[in-house]
PDB file of N, CA and C in Angstrom:
ATOM      1  N   MET A   1       7.729  -5.094 -21.814  1.00  0.00           N
ATOM      2  CA  MET A   1       7.558  -5.692 -20.502  1.00  0.00           C
ATOM      3  C   MET A   1       7.896  -4.665 -19.424  1.00  0.00           C
ATOM      4  N   GLU A   2       7.071  -4.650 -18.393  1.00  0.00           N
ATOM      5  CA  GLU A   2       7.225  -3.684 -17.303  1.00  0.00           C
ATOM      6  C   GLU A   2       8.334  -4.123 -16.344  1.00  0.00           C
ATOM      7  N   ASN A   3       9.023  -3.137 -15.807  1.00  0.00           N
ATOM      8  CA  ASN A   3      10.069  -3.384 -14.818  1.00  0.00           C
ATOM      9  C   ASN A   3       9.474  -4.204 -13.663  1.00  0.00           C
ATOM     10  N   PRO A   4      10.153  -5.290 -13.247  1.00  0.00           N
ATOM     11  CA  PRO A   4       9.617  -6.131 -12.165  1.00  0.00           C
ATOM     12  C   PRO A   4       9.379  -5.374 -10.855  1.00  0.00           C
ATOM     13  N   LYS A   5      10.214  -4.390 -10.551  1.00  0.00           N
ATOM     14  CA  LYS A   5      10.022  -3.618  -9.313  1.00  0.00           C
ATOM     15  C   LYS A   5       8.759  -2.768  -9.387  1.00  0.00           C
ATOM     16  N   ILE A   6       8.506  -2.196 -10.554  1.00  0.00           N
ATOM     17  CA  ILE A   6       7.291  -1.391 -10.731  1.00  0.00           C
ATOM     18  C   ILE A   6       6.061  -2.284 -10.645  1.00  0.00           C
ATOM     19  N   GLN A   7       6.133  -3.450 -11.269  1.00  0.00           N
ATOM     20  CA  GLN A   7       5.016  -4.394 -11.224  1.00  0.00           C
ATOM     21  C   GLN A   7       4.749  -4.842  -9.782  1.00  0.00           C
ATOM     22  N   GLU A   8       5.803  -5.114  -9.037  1.00  0.00           N
ATOM     23  CA  GLU A   8       5.657  -5.522  -7.640  1.00  0.00           C
ATOM     24  C   GLU A   8       5.043  -4.399  -6.801  1.00  0.00           C
ATOM     25  N   ALA A   9       5.456  -3.163  -7.064  1.00  0.00           N
ATOM     26  CA  ALA A   9       4.903  -2.014  -6.337  1.00  0.00           C
ATOM     27  C   ALA A   9       3.415  -1.860  -6.625  1.00  0.00           C
ATOM     28  N   ARG A  10       3.024  -2.044  -7.885  1.00  0.00           N
ATOM     29  CA  ARG A  10       1.597  -1.957  -8.246  1.00  0.00           C
ATOM     30  C   ARG A  10       0.782  -3.043  -7.550  1.00  0.00           C
ATOM     31  N   GLU A  11       1.331  -4.257  -7.544  1.00  0.00           N
ATOM     32  CA  GLU A  11       0.624  -5.363  -6.898  1.00  0.00           C
ATOM     33  C   GLU A  11       0.478  -5.110  -5.399  1.00  0.00           C
ATOM     34  N   THR A  12       1.521  -4.583  -4.782  1.00  0.00           N
ATOM     35  CA  THR A  12       1.465  -4.259  -3.355  1.00  0.00           C
ATOM     36  C   THR A  12       0.405  -3.197  -3.094  1.00  0.00           C
ATOM     37  N   LEU A  13       0.377  -2.163  -3.926  1.00  0.00           N
ATOM     38  CA  LEU A  13      -0.622  -1.105  -3.784  1.00  0.00           C
ATOM     39  C   LEU A  13      -2.031  -1.665  -3.967  1.00  0.00           C
ATOM     40  N   ASP A  14      -2.204  -2.572  -4.938  1.00  0.00           N
ATOM     41  CA  ASP A  14      -3.509  -3.200  -5.152  1.00  0.00           C
ATOM     42  C   ASP A  14      -3.964  -3.972  -3.915  1.00  0.00           C
ATOM     43  N   VAL A  15      -3.040  -4.736  -3.319  1.00  0.00           N
ATOM     44  CA  VAL A  15      -3.374  -5.520  -2.126  1.00  0.00           C
ATOM     45  C   VAL A  15      -3.723  -4.598  -0.962  1.00  0.00           C
ATOM     46  N   LEU A  16      -2.918  -3.550  -0.755  1.00  0.00           N
ATOM     47  CA  LEU A  16      -3.195  -2.613   0.334  1.00  0.00           C
ATOM     48  C   LEU A  16      -4.535  -1.908   0.136  1.00  0.00           C
ATOM     49  N   HIS A  17      -4.845  -1.551  -1.113  1.00  0.00           N
ATOM     50  CA  HIS A  17      -6.128  -0.895  -1.389  1.00  0.00           C
ATOM     51  C   HIS A  17      -7.285  -1.859  -1.145  1.00  0.00           C
ATOM     52  N   GLU A  18      -7.098  -3.113  -1.525  1.00  0.00           N
ATOM     53  CA  GLU A  18      -8.142  -4.109  -1.291  1.00  0.00           C
ATOM     54  C   GLU A  18      -8.379  -4.299   0.214  1.00  0.00           C
ATOM     55  N   ILE A  19      -7.307  -4.353   0.987  1.00  0.00           N
ATOM     56  CA  ILE A  19      -7.436  -4.471   2.447  1.00  0.00           C
ATOM     57  C   ILE A  19      -8.176  -3.256   3.008  1.00  0.00           C
ATOM     58  N   ALA A  20      -7.804  -2.062   2.557  1.00  0.00           N
ATOM     59  CA  ALA A  20      -8.461  -0.837   3.026  1.00  0.00           C
ATOM     60  C   ALA A  20      -9.945  -0.847   2.677  1.00  0.00           C
ATOM     61  N   THR A  21     -10.275  -1.366   1.496  1.00  0.00           N
ATOM     62  CA  THR A  21     -11.670  -1.443   1.072  1.00  0.00           C
ATOM     63  C   THR A  21     -12.444  -2.431   1.941  1.00  0.00           C
ATOM     64  N   ILE A  22     -11.854  -3.598   2.189  1.00  0.00           N
ATOM     65  CA  ILE A  22     -12.507  -4.607   3.030  1.00  0.00           C
ATOM     66  C   ILE A  22     -12.748  -4.060   4.434  1.00  0.00           C
ATOM     67  N   LEU A  23     -11.779  -3.302   4.951  1.00  0.00           N
ATOM     68  CA  LEU A  23     -11.901  -2.732   6.295  1.00  0.00           C
ATOM     69  C   LEU A  23     -12.736  -1.454   6.316  1.00  0.00           C
ATOM     70  N   ASN A  24     -13.217  -1.045   5.140  1.00  0.00           N
ATOM     71  CA  ASN A  24     -14.005   0.179   5.015  1.00  0.00           C
ATOM     72  C   ASN A  24     -13.250   1.366   5.607  1.00  0.00           C
ATOM     73  N   ALA A  25     -11.949   1.449   5.280  1.00  0.00           N
ATOM     74  CA  ALA A  25     -11.075   2.485   5.837  1.00  0.00           C
ATOM     75  C   ALA A  25     -11.220   3.823   5.120  1.00  0.00           C
ATOM     76  N   ASN A  26     -11.891   3.829   3.987  1.00  0.00           N
ATOM     77  CA  ASN A  26     -12.118   5.072   3.251  1.00  0.00           C
ATOM     78  C   ASN A  26     -10.808   5.753   2.847  1.00  0.00           C
ATOM     79  N   ILE A  27      -9.841   4.955   2.368  1.00  0.00           N
ATOM     80  CA  ILE A  27      -8.536   5.467   1.948  1.00  0.00           C
ATOM     81  C   ILE A  27      -8.360   5.159   0.467  1.00  0.00           C
ATOM     82  N   ASP A  28      -8.059   6.182  -0.319  1.00  0.00           N
ATOM     83  CA  ASP A  28      -7.868   5.963  -1.752  1.00  0.00           C
ATOM     84  C   ASP A  28      -6.439   5.519  -2.053  1.00  0.00           C
ATOM     85  N   ARG A  29      -6.219   5.104  -3.295  1.00  0.00           N
ATOM     86  CA  ARG A  29      -4.906   4.589  -3.706  1.00  0.00           C
ATOM     87  C   ARG A  29      -3.801   5.633  -3.543  1.00  0.00           C
ATOM     88  N   GLU A  30      -4.105   6.874  -3.844  1.00  0.00           N
ATOM     89  CA  GLU A  30      -3.092   7.928  -3.733  1.00  0.00           C
ATOM     90  C   GLU A  30      -2.636   8.096  -2.280  1.00  0.00           C
ATOM     91  N   THR A  31      -3.588   8.074  -1.359  1.00  0.00           N
ATOM     92  CA  THR A  31      -3.251   8.209   0.057  1.00  0.00           C
ATOM     93  C   THR A  31      -2.428   7.020   0.534  1.00  0.00           C
ATOM     94  N   ILE A  32      -2.809   5.823   0.101  1.00  0.00           N
ATOM     95  CA  ILE A  32      -2.039   4.630   0.463  1.00  0.00           C
ATOM     96  C   ILE A  32      -0.624   4.740  -0.070  1.00  0.00           C
ATOM     97  N   SER A  33      -0.489   5.174  -1.312  1.00  0.00           N
ATOM     98  CA  SER A  33       0.828   5.323  -1.925  1.00  0.00           C
ATOM     99  C   SER A  33       1.682   6.323  -1.152  1.00  0.00           C
ATOM    100  N   LEU A  34       1.086   7.442  -0.763  1.00  0.00           N
ATOM    101  CA  LEU A  34       1.817   8.446   0.016  1.00  0.00           C
ATOM    102  C   LEU A  34       2.246   7.900   1.378  1.00  0.00           C
ATOM    103  N   CYS A  35       1.367   7.156   2.028  1.00  0.00           N
ATOM    104  CA  CYS A  35       1.710   6.567   3.331  1.00  0.00           C
ATOM    105  C   CYS A  35       2.863   5.578   3.200  1.00  0.00           C
ATOM    106  N   VAL A  36       2.839   4.762   2.152  1.00  0.00           N
ATOM    107  CA  VAL A  36       3.925   3.804   1.920  1.00  0.00           C
ATOM    108  C   VAL A  36       5.235   4.550   1.688  1.00  0.00           C
ATOM    109  N   GLN A  37       5.187   5.601   0.878  1.00  0.00           N
ATOM    110  CA  GLN A  37       6.397   6.387   0.612  1.00  0.00           C
ATOM    111  C   GLN A  37       6.941   7.016   1.893  1.00  0.00           C
ATOM    112  N   LEU A  38       6.052   7.530   2.732  1.00  0.00           N
ATOM    113  CA  LEU A  38       6.480   8.127   3.995  1.00  0.00           C
ATOM    114  C   LEU A  38       7.120   7.082   4.907  1.00  0.00           C
ATOM    115  N   CYS A  39       6.508   5.901   4.989  1.00  0.00           N
ATOM    116  CA  CYS A  39       7.070   4.829   5.822  1.00  0.00           C
ATOM    117  C   CYS A  39       8.434   4.391   5.296  1.00  0.00           C
ATOM    118  N   GLU A  40       8.551   4.277   3.978  1.00  0.00           N
ATOM    119  CA  GLU A  40       9.839   3.910   3.388  1.00  0.00           C
ATOM    120  C   GLU A  40      10.880   4.991   3.627  1.00  0.00           C
ATOM    121  N   GLY A  41      10.424   6.230   3.811  1.00  0.00           N
ATOM    122  CA  GLY A  41      11.323   7.348   4.072  1.00  0.00           C
ATOM    123  C   GLY A  41      11.680   7.507   5.543  1.00  0.00           C
ATOM    124  N   GLY A  42      11.135   6.638   6.400  1.00  0.00           N
ATOM    125  CA  GLY A  42      11.512   6.666   7.799  1.00  0.00           C
ATOM    126  C   GLY A  42      10.485   7.225   8.762  1.00  0.00           C
ATOM    127  N   VAL A  43       9.314   7.626   8.266  1.00  0.00           N
ATOM    128  CA  VAL A  43       8.273   8.148   9.153  1.00  0.00           C
ATOM    129  C   VAL A  43       7.701   6.996   9.981  1.00  0.00           C
ATOM    130  N   ASN A  44       7.448   7.257  11.247  1.00  0.00           N
ATOM    131  CA  ASN A  44       6.870   6.257  12.138  1.00  0.00           C
ATOM    132  C   ASN A  44       5.448   5.930  11.662  1.00  0.00           C
ATOM    133  N   PRO A  45       5.152   4.670  11.319  1.00  0.00           N
ATOM    134  CA  PRO A  45       3.811   4.306  10.838  1.00  0.00           C
ATOM    135  C   PRO A  45       2.712   4.623  11.844  1.00  0.00           C
ATOM    136  N   GLU A  46       3.030   4.552  13.131  1.00  0.00           N
ATOM    137  CA  GLU A  46       2.026   4.860  14.147  1.00  0.00           C
ATOM    138  C   GLU A  46       1.607   6.322  14.085  1.00  0.00           C
ATOM    139  N   ALA A  47       2.504   7.183  13.639  1.00  0.00           N
ATOM    140  CA  ALA A  47       2.174   8.603  13.506  1.00  0.00           C
ATOM    141  C   ALA A  47       1.178   8.823  12.372  1.00  0.00           C
ATOM    142  N   LEU A  48       1.159   7.919  11.406  1.00  0.00           N
ATOM    143  CA  LEU A  48       0.219   8.032  10.290  1.00  0.00           C
ATOM    144  C   LEU A  48      -1.136   7.422  10.628  1.00  0.00           C
ATOM    145  N   ALA A  49      -1.184   6.610  11.658  1.00  0.00           N
ATOM    146  CA  ALA A  49      -2.403   5.903  12.027  1.00  0.00           C
ATOM    147  C   ALA A  49      -3.167   6.661  13.098  1.00  0.00           C
ATOM    148  N   VAL A  50      -3.397   7.939  12.886  1.00  0.00           N
ATOM    149  CA  VAL A  50      -4.114   8.774  13.843  1.00  0.00           C
ATOM    150  C   VAL A  50      -5.607   8.500  13.699  1.00  0.00           C
ATOM    151  N   PRO A  51      -6.290   8.231  14.803  1.00  0.00           N
ATOM    152  CA  PRO A  51      -7.733   7.998  14.725  1.00  0.00           C
ATOM    153  C   PRO A  51      -8.478   9.255  14.293  1.00  0.00           C
ATOM    154  N   GLU A  52      -9.719   9.071  13.830  1.00  0.00           N
ATOM    155  CA  GLU A  52     -10.513  10.212  13.362  1.00  0.00           C
ATOM    156  C   GLU A  52     -10.844  11.187  14.476  1.00  0.00           C
ATOM    157  N   GLY A  53     -11.051  10.726  15.682  1.00  0.00           N
ATOM    158  CA  GLY A  53     -11.371  11.609  16.801  1.00  0.00           C
ATOM    159  C   GLY A  53     -10.086  12.101  17.439  1.00  0.00           C
ATOM    160  N   VAL A  54      -9.616  13.239  17.007  1.00  0.00           N
ATOM    161  CA  VAL A  54      -8.344  13.780  17.478  1.00  0.00           C
ATOM    162  C   VAL A  54      -8.610  15.001  18.338  1.00  0.00           C
ATOM    163  N   THR A  55      -7.896  15.104  19.446  1.00  0.00           N
ATOM    164  CA  THR A  55      -8.003  16.278  20.301  1.00  0.00           C
ATOM    165  C   THR A  55      -6.846  17.207  19.995  1.00  0.00           C
ATOM    166  N   VAL A  56      -7.168  18.439  19.674  1.00  0.00           N
ATOM    167  CA  VAL A  56      -6.151  19.438  19.355  1.00  0.00           C
ATOM    168  C   VAL A  56      -6.220  20.521  20.412  1.00  0.00           C
ATOM    169  N   THR A  57      -5.083  20.860  21.012  1.00  0.00           N
ATOM    170  CA  THR A  57      -5.030  21.915  22.015  1.00  0.00           C
ATOM    171  C   THR A  57      -4.080  22.994  21.541  1.00  0.00           C
ATOM    172  N   ALA A  58      -4.557  24.234  21.541  1.00  0.00           N
ATOM    173  CA  ALA A  58      -3.723  25.365  21.127  1.00  0.00           C
ATOM    174  C   ALA A  58      -3.560  26.297  22.312  1.00  0.00           C
ATOM    175  N   SER A  59      -2.371  26.855  22.464  1.00  0.00           N
ATOM    176  CA  SER A  59      -2.106  27.794  23.552  1.00  0.00           C
ATOM    177  C   SER A  59      -2.390  29.202  23.056  1.00  0.00           C
ATOM    178  N   SER A  60      -3.152  29.944  23.827  1.00  0.00           N
ATOM    179  CA  SER A  60      -3.466  31.322  23.474  1.00  0.00           C
ATOM    180  C   SER A  60      -2.232  32.190  23.678  1.00  0.00           C
ATOM    181  N   THR A  61      -1.973  33.090  22.750  1.00  0.00           N
ATOM    182  CA  THR A  61      -0.787  33.944  22.861  1.00  0.00           C
ATOM    183  C   THR A  61      -1.001  35.101  23.824  1.00  0.00           C
ATOM    184  N   THR A  62      -2.253  35.391  24.177  1.00  0.00           N
ATOM    185  CA  THR A  62      -2.491  36.558  25.023  1.00  0.00           C
ATOM    186  C   THR A  62      -2.583  36.238  26.495  1.00  0.00           C
ATOM    187  N   GLY A  63      -2.899  35.071  26.911  1.00  0.00           N
ATOM    188  CA  GLY A  63      -3.000  34.830  28.340  1.00  0.00           C
ATOM    189  C   GLY A  63      -2.377  33.532  28.774  1.00  0.00           C
ATOM    190  N   GLY A  64      -1.808  32.806  27.852  1.00  0.00           N
ATOM    191  CA  GLY A  64      -1.248  31.522  28.197  1.00  0.00           C
ATOM    192  C   GLY A  64      -2.315  30.488  28.521  1.00  0.00           C
ATOM    193  N   GLU A  65      -3.573  30.848  28.264  1.00  0.00           N
ATOM    194  CA  GLU A  65      -4.687  29.956  28.553  1.00  0.00           C
ATOM    195  C   GLU A  65      -4.794  28.923  27.437  1.00  0.00           C
ATOM    196  N   ASN A  66      -4.992  27.675  27.795  1.00  0.00           N
ATOM    197  CA  ASN A  66      -5.154  26.629  26.789  1.00  0.00           C
ATOM    198  C   ASN A  66      -6.590  26.602  26.306  1.00  0.00           C
ATOM    199  N   VAL A  67      -6.746  26.530  25.019  1.00  0.00           N
ATOM    200  CA  VAL A  67      -8.055  26.421  24.406  1.00  0.00           C
ATOM    201  C   VAL A  67      -8.070  25.105  23.668  1.00  0.00           C
ATOM    202  N   GLY A  68      -9.016  24.236  23.965  1.00  0.00           N
ATOM    203  CA  GLY A  68      -9.040  22.919  23.334  1.00  0.00           C
ATOM    204  C   GLY A  68     -10.254  22.758  22.451  1.00  0.00           C
ATOM    205  N   ALA A  69     -10.104  21.988  21.410  1.00  0.00           N
ATOM    206  CA  ALA A  69     -11.216  21.644  20.534  1.00  0.00           C
ATOM    207  C   ALA A  69     -11.107  20.169  20.217  1.00  0.00           C
ATOM    208  N   THR A  70     -12.213  19.470  20.347  1.00  0.00           N
ATOM    209  CA  THR A  70     -12.221  18.043  20.063  1.00  0.00           C
ATOM    210  C   THR A  70     -12.971  17.814  18.768  1.00  0.00           C
ATOM    211  N   THR A  71     -12.356  17.082  17.856  1.00  0.00           N
ATOM    212  CA  THR A  71     -13.001  16.729  16.603  1.00  0.00           C
ATOM    213  C   THR A  71     -13.436  15.283  16.695  1.00  0.00           C
ATOM    214  N   THR A  72     -14.695  15.038  16.422  1.00  0.00           N
ATOM    215  CA  THR A  72     -15.208  13.676  16.485  1.00  0.00           C
ATOM    216  C   THR A  72     -15.267  13.090  15.091  1.00  0.00           C
ATOM    217  N   ALA A  73     -15.607  11.812  15.004  1.00  0.00           N
ATOM    218  CA  ALA A  73     -15.677  11.137  13.710  1.00  0.00           C
ATOM    219  C   ALA A  73     -16.688  11.806  12.790  1.00  0.00           C
ATOM    220  N   SER A  74     -17.719  12.425  13.355  1.00  0.00           N
ATOM    221  CA  SER A  74     -18.717  13.085  12.525  1.00  0.00           C
ATOM    222  C   SER A  74     -18.265  14.457  12.054  1.00  0.00           C
ATOM    223  N   GLY A  75     -17.119  14.923  12.590  1.00  0.00           N
ATOM    224  CA  GLY A  75     -16.586  16.203  12.149  1.00  0.00           C
ATOM    225  C   GLY A  75     -17.032  17.378  12.983  1.00  0.00           C
ATOM    226  N   SER A  76     -17.914  17.153  13.971  1.00  0.00           N
ATOM    227  CA  SER A  76     -18.353  18.269  14.802  1.00  0.00           C
ATOM    228  C   SER A  76     -17.317  18.537  15.874  1.00  0.00           C
ATOM    229  N   GLY A  77     -17.283  19.739  16.337  1.00  0.00           N
ATOM    230  CA  GLY A  77     -16.284  20.104  17.343  1.00  0.00           C
ATOM    231  C   GLY A  77     -16.941  20.620  18.600  1.00  0.00           C
ATOM    232  N   SER A  78     -16.263  20.474  19.712  1.00  0.00           N
ATOM    233  CA  SER A  78     -16.747  21.030  20.963  1.00  0.00           C
ATOM    234  C   SER A  78     -15.584  21.679  21.670  1.00  0.00           C
ATOM    235  N   LYS A  79     -15.847  22.782  22.341  1.00  0.00           N
ATOM    236  CA  LYS A  79     -14.785  23.493  23.057  1.00  0.00           C
ATOM    237  C   LYS A  79     -14.731  23.008  24.481  1.00  0.00           C
ATOM    238  N   ASN A  80     -13.509  22.873  24.995  1.00  0.00           N
ATOM    239  CA  ASN A  80     -13.303  22.452  26.385  1.00  0.00           C
ATOM    240  C   ASN A  80     -13.200  23.652  27.283  1.00  0.00           C
TER     241      ASN A  80
END
């Protein structure tokens, strides 16, 4: 017989994966498991819920000029 805590963890992972599938979130079981572990470890869940279209800005080391790149859901980038 399996440890009740392990069985409960599997059932929770199954439910979370089913929800992700219904929402078409494109998240596999391993990623869900890692997110749960991070949340249990104290990571802010909102920090894990970053949308696909993320704006990243890097500061140039030679002129202090900001260079920005926007990533869209399709994966293409544009420079600002």
